[in-house]
Amino acid sequence: MRRRILFSLIAVLALLVVAAGAQAASFDAHLKTPGHHPKAGKDWPIKVTAEKRGRAIKASAFYQFLYNGQVVSTQYPSPHGPPRHKPYKFKGSYKDPILWPKRAVGFKLTFRVVVRAKHRGKVKLNYRVRVRD
């Protein structure tokens, strides 16, 4: 009887630990784009927002480019200056023009924006694209 209770208690604790690690981010992030078919060599303006209950929060973001589910490139936003080598910190939202290279034409890619907020988790915003010429 004691063993059965002990095993039940261990099972419940294990479920609680797994559930605690799998919690969703405690904020909302959104990606706005002009469409799924950006043109190579031309600006593709995006807007990224981070909020909690409709209020702007501090966050950081970076980009991942995926082909067949595998990350093939990681880039960092630089809306106001030279290229960066670390995530871009912002409050509320930012706009950034993405320039797609000619070598991406015709491939089915996923453009991912990873938004992180301190003590609130992270959100991955996936957006499928097919670059055109």
Protein backbone atom coordinates (compact mmCIF):
# COMPACT_ATOMS: atom_id res chain seq x y z
CA MET A 1 0.00 0.00 0.00
CA ARG A 2 2.77 2.44 0.92
CA ARG A 3 4.61 1.58 -2.30
CA ARG A 4 1.55 2.36 -4.38
CA ILE A 5 1.13 5.75 -2.67
CA LEU A 6 4.84 6.49 -3.08
CA PHE A 7 4.76 5.64 -6.80
CA SER A 8 1.62 7.77 -7.27
CA LEU A 9 3.28 10.71 -5.54
CA ILE A 10 6.41 10.37 -7.67
CA ALA A 11 4.31 10.24 -10.85
CA VAL A 12 2.41 13.40 -9.88
CA LEU A 13 5.66 15.24 -9.06
CA ALA A 14 7.18 14.17 -12.38
CA LEU A 15 4.16 15.55 -14.24
CA LEU A 16 4.41 18.84 -12.35
CA VAL A 17 8.10 19.20 -13.23
CA VAL A 18 7.42 18.50 -16.93
CA ALA A 19 4.48 20.92 -16.98
CA ALA A 20 6.54 23.67 -15.33
CA GLY A 21 9.25 23.37 -17.99
CA ALA A 22 6.75 23.41 -20.86
CA GLN A 23 4.99 26.65 -19.94
CA ALA A 24 4.32 29.08 -22.74
CA ALA A 25 5.80 32.55 -22.79
CA SER A 26 3.90 35.04 -20.67
CA PHE A 27 3.67 37.66 -23.43
CA ASP A 28 2.43 38.02 -26.99
CA ALA A 29 4.63 38.63 -30.02
CA HIS A 30 3.48 39.38 -33.55
CA LEU A 31 5.07 39.58 -36.99
CA LYS A 32 3.61 41.73 -39.75
CA THR A 33 4.86 41.35 -43.34
CA PRO A 34 3.70 42.43 -46.81
CA GLY A 35 3.26 38.82 -47.98
CA HIS A 36 4.75 35.37 -48.44
CA HIS A 37 6.61 36.16 -51.68
CA PRO A 38 9.38 38.72 -51.12
CA LYS A 39 11.34 39.87 -54.14
CA ALA A 40 15.10 39.23 -54.22
CA GLY A 41 17.20 42.38 -53.95
CA LYS A 42 14.32 44.58 -52.73
CA ASP A 43 13.40 45.62 -49.20
CA TRP A 44 10.75 43.43 -47.54
CA PRO A 45 9.59 45.56 -44.59
CA ILE A 46 8.56 43.71 -41.44
CA LYS A 47 7.22 44.84 -38.09
CA VAL A 48 7.77 42.88 -34.86
CA THR A 49 5.80 43.63 -31.69
CA ALA A 50 6.01 42.38 -28.10
CA GLU A 51 3.28 43.08 -25.56
CA LYS A 52 1.58 41.81 -22.46
CA ARG A 53 -2.12 42.54 -22.06
CA GLY A 54 -1.88 45.19 -24.78
CA ARG A 55 1.05 47.07 -23.21
CA ALA A 56 4.50 47.33 -24.77
CA ILE A 57 7.25 45.35 -23.04
CA LYS A 58 11.03 45.28 -23.34
CA ALA A 59 12.31 42.39 -25.45
CA SER A 60 15.06 41.35 -27.83
CA ALA A 61 14.87 39.63 -31.20
CA PHE A 62 16.94 37.83 -33.78
CA TYR A 63 16.21 36.02 -37.05
CA GLN A 64 16.63 32.42 -38.14
CA PHE A 65 16.27 31.21 -41.71
CA LEU A 66 15.17 27.58 -42.08
CA TYR A 67 15.27 25.20 -45.02
CA ASN A 68 13.48 21.84 -44.57
CA GLY A 69 13.19 22.57 -40.86
CA GLN A 70 16.92 23.13 -40.35
CA VAL A 71 18.39 26.49 -39.39
CA VAL A 72 20.70 27.56 -42.21
CA SER A 73 21.40 31.11 -41.07
CA THR A 74 21.02 33.32 -38.00
CA GLN A 75 20.96 37.09 -38.45
CA TYR A 76 20.39 40.04 -36.17
CA PRO A 77 18.07 43.00 -36.78
CA SER A 78 19.72 46.34 -37.45
CA PRO A 79 16.92 48.79 -38.19
CA HIS A 80 18.94 51.91 -37.34
CA GLY A 81 22.50 51.38 -38.39
CA PRO A 82 25.29 49.01 -39.38
CA PRO A 83 24.93 45.21 -39.17
CA ARG A 84 24.75 43.82 -35.63
CA HIS A 85 26.18 40.67 -34.10
CA LYS A 86 23.80 40.27 -31.18
CA PRO A 87 20.01 40.32 -30.63
CA TYR A 88 18.27 43.67 -31.10
CA LYS A 89 16.73 45.14 -27.94
CA PHE A 90 13.49 47.09 -28.29
CA LYS A 91 10.40 48.17 -26.39
CA GLY A 92 7.01 47.46 -27.93
CA SER A 93 7.86 47.19 -31.60
CA TYR A 94 10.36 47.86 -34.34
CA LYS A 95 10.45 47.86 -38.13
CA ASP A 96 13.23 46.36 -40.20
CA PRO A 97 13.64 45.97 -43.97
CA ILE A 98 14.81 42.45 -44.89
CA LEU A 99 16.88 42.11 -48.05
CA TRP A 100 16.59 38.63 -49.58
CA PRO A 101 19.54 37.42 -51.70
CA LYS A 102 19.19 36.17 -55.28
CA ARG A 103 20.43 32.72 -54.24
CA ALA A 104 17.23 32.26 -52.17
CA VAL A 105 14.96 32.52 -55.24
CA GLY A 106 12.59 29.56 -55.65
CA PHE A 107 13.33 27.81 -52.35
CA LYS A 108 10.59 27.15 -49.79
CA LEU A 109 12.02 28.76 -46.66
CA THR A 110 10.80 29.61 -43.18
CA PHE A 111 11.64 33.03 -41.82
CA ARG A 112 11.66 32.86 -38.02
CA VAL A 113 11.79 35.75 -35.57
CA VAL A 114 12.77 34.67 -32.06
CA VAL A 115 11.55 37.20 -29.50
CA ARG A 116 12.78 36.96 -25.90
CA ALA A 117 11.60 38.93 -22.89
CA LYS A 118 13.48 38.75 -19.62
CA HIS A 119 11.72 36.51 -17.09
CA ARG A 120 8.83 35.99 -19.54
CA GLY A 121 10.21 33.37 -21.93
CA LYS A 122 10.56 33.37 -25.70
CA VAL A 123 8.27 33.18 -28.70
CA LYS A 124 9.21 31.81 -32.13
CA LEU A 125 7.31 33.47 -34.95
CA ASN A 126 7.50 31.24 -38.05
CA TYR A 127 6.57 32.62 -41.46
CA ARG A 128 6.84 30.61 -44.68
CA VAL A 129 8.24 32.40 -47.70
CA ARG A 130 9.23 31.69 -51.26
CA VAL A 131 11.52 34.35 -52.67
CA ARG A 132 10.81 35.41 -56.24
CA ASP A 133 13.00 37.03 -58.84
